[in-house]
Amino acid sequence: MAERHRGEEVPQAETSLDSKGLALESALPHVLSDHDAEIARTVNLVSVVVDSNEILSVCRLLKTDPTLRFDFLTCLCVVDYSDYMQVVYHLYSTFFHHMMTLKANVDTEQPHLSSVTSLWSGADWFERESHDLFGVLFDGHPNMTPLLLYEGFEGYPGRRNYDMREYTEW
């Protein structure tokens, strides 16, 4: 493996979409034309970033548009960057067999956005887990009781700034 030196350019990962990804990439600008969406490629997936205030309407559109039909939420996760958090939705169409990621940035101080449980019931546990670990509130979620942590647990252990106690073996 070649050694890298400070200041050297790091090679970017090759981005290559298959025919389904290319078709999706060309359809999304038209479908999302009423939204401020940033469409890009992430390795072998189409990735879209939207304003957090538009997440429910964009998800509804991605699910119901006849050219997309994203009827399956495979995963929802949160990434804690230094100055903001990003909620990432991994979507799949069982009809067209294409997939994409949808991302929305949220504030670290008061992270919240609309729940998508009305569109994909499988979002229930993903949203509850995201609340437990990162403190993201999902407005309109039917039951935000803790999923992983006990009621009254202090802090959000998925966040960068969570103070982890030292672990020692007995």
Protein backbone atom coordinates (compact mmCIF):
# COMPACT_ATOMS: atom_id res chain seq x y z
CA MET A 1 0.00 0.00 0.00
CA ALA A 2 1.39 3.38 -1.00
CA GLU A 3 2.19 5.86 1.75
CA ARG A 4 0.31 9.19 1.69
CA HIS A 5 1.85 12.47 2.67
CA ARG A 6 0.14 15.55 4.08
CA GLY A 7 -1.20 17.71 1.27
CA GLU A 8 -1.46 14.89 -1.25
CA GLU A 9 -4.77 14.62 -3.01
CA VAL A 10 -6.84 11.68 -1.82
CA PRO A 11 -8.37 9.73 -4.71
CA GLN A 12 -12.15 9.89 -4.78
CA ALA A 13 -14.19 6.69 -4.75
CA GLU A 14 -15.37 5.79 -8.21
CA THR A 15 -19.04 6.47 -8.71
CA SER A 16 -20.77 4.19 -11.13
CA LEU A 17 -24.49 3.70 -11.41
CA ASP A 18 -26.12 0.72 -13.06
CA SER A 19 -28.92 1.22 -15.59
CA LYS A 20 -31.55 1.48 -12.83
CA GLY A 21 -29.49 4.10 -11.01
CA LEU A 22 -29.00 6.09 -14.22
CA ALA A 23 -32.73 6.02 -14.94
CA LEU A 24 -33.46 7.13 -11.39
CA GLU A 25 -30.87 9.91 -11.58
CA SER A 26 -32.48 11.26 -14.74
CA ALA A 27 -36.06 11.01 -13.36
CA LEU A 28 -35.48 12.69 -10.00
CA PRO A 29 -34.91 16.30 -11.18
CA HIS A 30 -38.31 16.29 -12.90
CA VAL A 31 -40.13 14.59 -10.00
CA LEU A 32 -38.52 16.84 -7.37
CA SER A 33 -38.72 20.05 -9.40
CA ASP A 34 -40.93 21.77 -6.80
CA HIS A 35 -38.41 21.06 -4.03
CA ASP A 36 -34.94 22.39 -3.35
CA ALA A 37 -33.21 19.03 -3.77
CA GLU A 38 -29.50 18.41 -4.15
CA ILE A 39 -29.07 15.27 -6.28
CA ALA A 40 -25.71 13.50 -6.34
CA ARG A 41 -24.06 10.11 -6.66
CA THR A 42 -22.65 8.32 -3.66
CA VAL A 43 -20.49 5.43 -4.86
CA ASN A 44 -23.18 3.29 -6.57
CA LEU A 45 -26.32 5.03 -5.30
CA VAL A 46 -28.26 8.15 -6.11
CA SER A 47 -28.34 10.41 -3.08
CA VAL A 48 -30.70 13.34 -2.51
CA VAL A 49 -30.45 15.99 0.20
CA VAL A 50 -33.58 18.02 1.00
CA ASP A 51 -34.57 20.62 3.56
CA SER A 52 -35.74 18.98 6.78
CA ASN A 53 -39.04 20.91 6.61
CA GLU A 54 -39.86 19.12 3.34
CA ILE A 55 -39.01 15.57 4.38
CA LEU A 56 -42.59 14.28 4.70
CA SER A 57 -43.79 15.76 1.40
CA VAL A 58 -40.68 14.54 -0.44
CA CYS A 59 -41.05 11.04 1.03
CA ARG A 60 -44.72 10.98 0.05
CA LEU A 61 -43.78 11.99 -3.48
CA LEU A 62 -41.01 9.37 -3.71
CA LYS A 63 -43.42 6.68 -2.55
CA THR A 64 -46.42 7.61 -4.70
CA ASP A 65 -44.87 8.86 -7.94
CA PRO A 66 -45.55 6.15 -10.58
CA THR A 67 -42.04 6.47 -12.04
CA LEU A 68 -40.34 5.90 -8.66
CA ARG A 69 -42.60 3.89 -6.31
CA PHE A 70 -40.26 3.75 -3.29
CA ASP A 71 -42.53 1.51 -1.26
CA PHE A 72 -39.95 0.14 1.18
CA LEU A 73 -37.88 1.97 3.79
CA THR A 74 -34.95 -0.38 4.34
CA CYS A 75 -33.21 1.71 6.97
CA LEU A 76 -33.25 5.08 8.70
CA CYS A 77 -30.12 6.22 10.50
CA VAL A 78 -28.55 9.36 11.94
CA VAL A 79 -25.04 10.67 11.36
CA ASP A 80 -23.65 13.13 13.91
CA TYR A 81 -21.32 15.59 12.23
CA SER A 82 -19.61 18.29 14.26
CA ASP A 83 -22.05 21.13 13.58
CA TYR A 84 -25.23 19.32 12.48
CA MET A 85 -26.82 15.90 12.32
CA GLN A 86 -28.11 14.20 9.20
CA VAL A 87 -31.03 11.80 9.07
CA VAL A 88 -30.55 9.29 6.24
CA TYR A 89 -33.38 7.28 4.70
CA HIS A 90 -32.48 4.23 2.60
CA LEU A 91 -35.32 3.64 0.14
CA TYR A 92 -36.08 0.73 -2.17
CA SER A 93 -38.68 0.14 -4.86
CA THR A 94 -39.93 -3.46 -4.88
CA PHE A 95 -41.56 -2.72 -8.24
CA PHE A 96 -38.61 -1.17 -10.12
CA HIS A 97 -35.83 -2.72 -7.97
CA HIS A 98 -33.96 0.55 -7.64
CA MET A 99 -32.67 2.17 -4.47
CA MET A 100 -31.54 5.56 -3.22
CA THR A 101 -30.65 7.51 -0.12
CA LEU A 102 -32.56 10.57 1.02
CA LYS A 103 -30.93 12.90 3.53
CA ALA A 104 -32.09 15.80 5.68
CA ASN A 105 -29.88 17.92 7.92
CA VAL A 106 -31.14 18.80 11.39
CA ASP A 107 -29.87 21.12 14.10
CA THR A 108 -27.93 19.46 16.92
CA GLU A 109 -29.49 21.65 19.60
CA GLN A 110 -33.13 20.90 18.72
CA PRO A 111 -33.13 18.08 16.18
CA HIS A 112 -36.58 17.36 14.84
CA LEU A 113 -38.39 16.58 11.62
CA SER A 114 -41.65 14.99 10.57
CA SER A 115 -42.26 11.31 11.16
CA VAL A 116 -42.67 9.12 8.09
CA THR A 117 -44.54 6.34 9.92
CA SER A 118 -47.70 7.33 8.05
CA LEU A 119 -45.94 6.31 4.83
CA TRP A 120 -43.83 3.37 5.98
CA SER A 121 -44.93 1.70 9.20
CA GLY A 122 -41.45 0.16 9.44
CA ALA A 123 -40.12 3.63 10.29
CA ASP A 124 -41.59 3.22 13.79
CA TRP A 125 -38.62 1.45 15.39
CA PHE A 126 -36.03 3.32 13.30
CA GLU A 127 -37.39 6.66 14.51
CA ARG A 128 -37.61 5.51 18.12
CA GLU A 129 -34.03 4.21 17.99
CA SER A 130 -32.87 7.52 16.47
CA HIS A 131 -34.58 9.37 19.29
CA ASP A 132 -33.03 7.12 21.95
CA LEU A 133 -29.48 7.37 20.61
CA PHE A 134 -29.36 10.86 19.05
CA GLY A 135 -32.30 12.80 20.50
CA VAL A 136 -34.02 13.40 17.16
CA LEU A 137 -37.72 14.13 17.70
CA PHE A 138 -40.04 12.90 14.98
CA ASP A 139 -43.09 15.16 14.92
CA GLY A 140 -46.30 13.17 14.52
CA HIS A 141 -44.81 9.83 15.58
CA PRO A 142 -47.57 7.79 17.27
CA ASN A 143 -45.44 6.42 20.15
CA MET A 144 -42.03 7.87 20.97
CA THR A 145 -41.49 5.71 24.08
CA PRO A 146 -37.90 4.50 24.41
CA LEU A 147 -37.00 1.48 22.34
CA LEU A 148 -33.44 0.70 23.46
CA LEU A 149 -32.91 2.75 26.60
CA TYR A 150 -34.93 2.91 29.79
CA GLU A 151 -37.32 5.76 30.58
CA GLY A 152 -35.34 8.59 32.18
CA PHE A 153 -31.97 7.66 30.65
CA GLU A 154 -29.89 10.84 30.50
CA GLY A 155 -28.14 11.86 27.32
CA TYR A 156 -27.88 10.44 23.83
CA PRO A 157 -25.14 7.79 23.53
CA GLY A 158 -25.01 7.94 19.71
CA ARG A 159 -23.79 11.54 19.73
CA ARG A 160 -20.14 12.48 19.46
CA ASN A 161 -20.26 14.56 22.61
CA TYR A 162 -21.73 11.81 24.81
CA ASP A 163 -19.38 11.15 27.70
CA MET A 164 -18.68 7.42 27.65
CA ARG A 165 -17.54 6.02 30.95
CA GLU A 166 -14.33 4.10 30.95
CA TYR A 167 -14.88 0.39 30.54
CA THR A 168 -12.65 -2.00 32.42
CA GLU A 169 -12.68 -5.75 32.43
CA TRP A 170 -13.02 -7.50 35.79
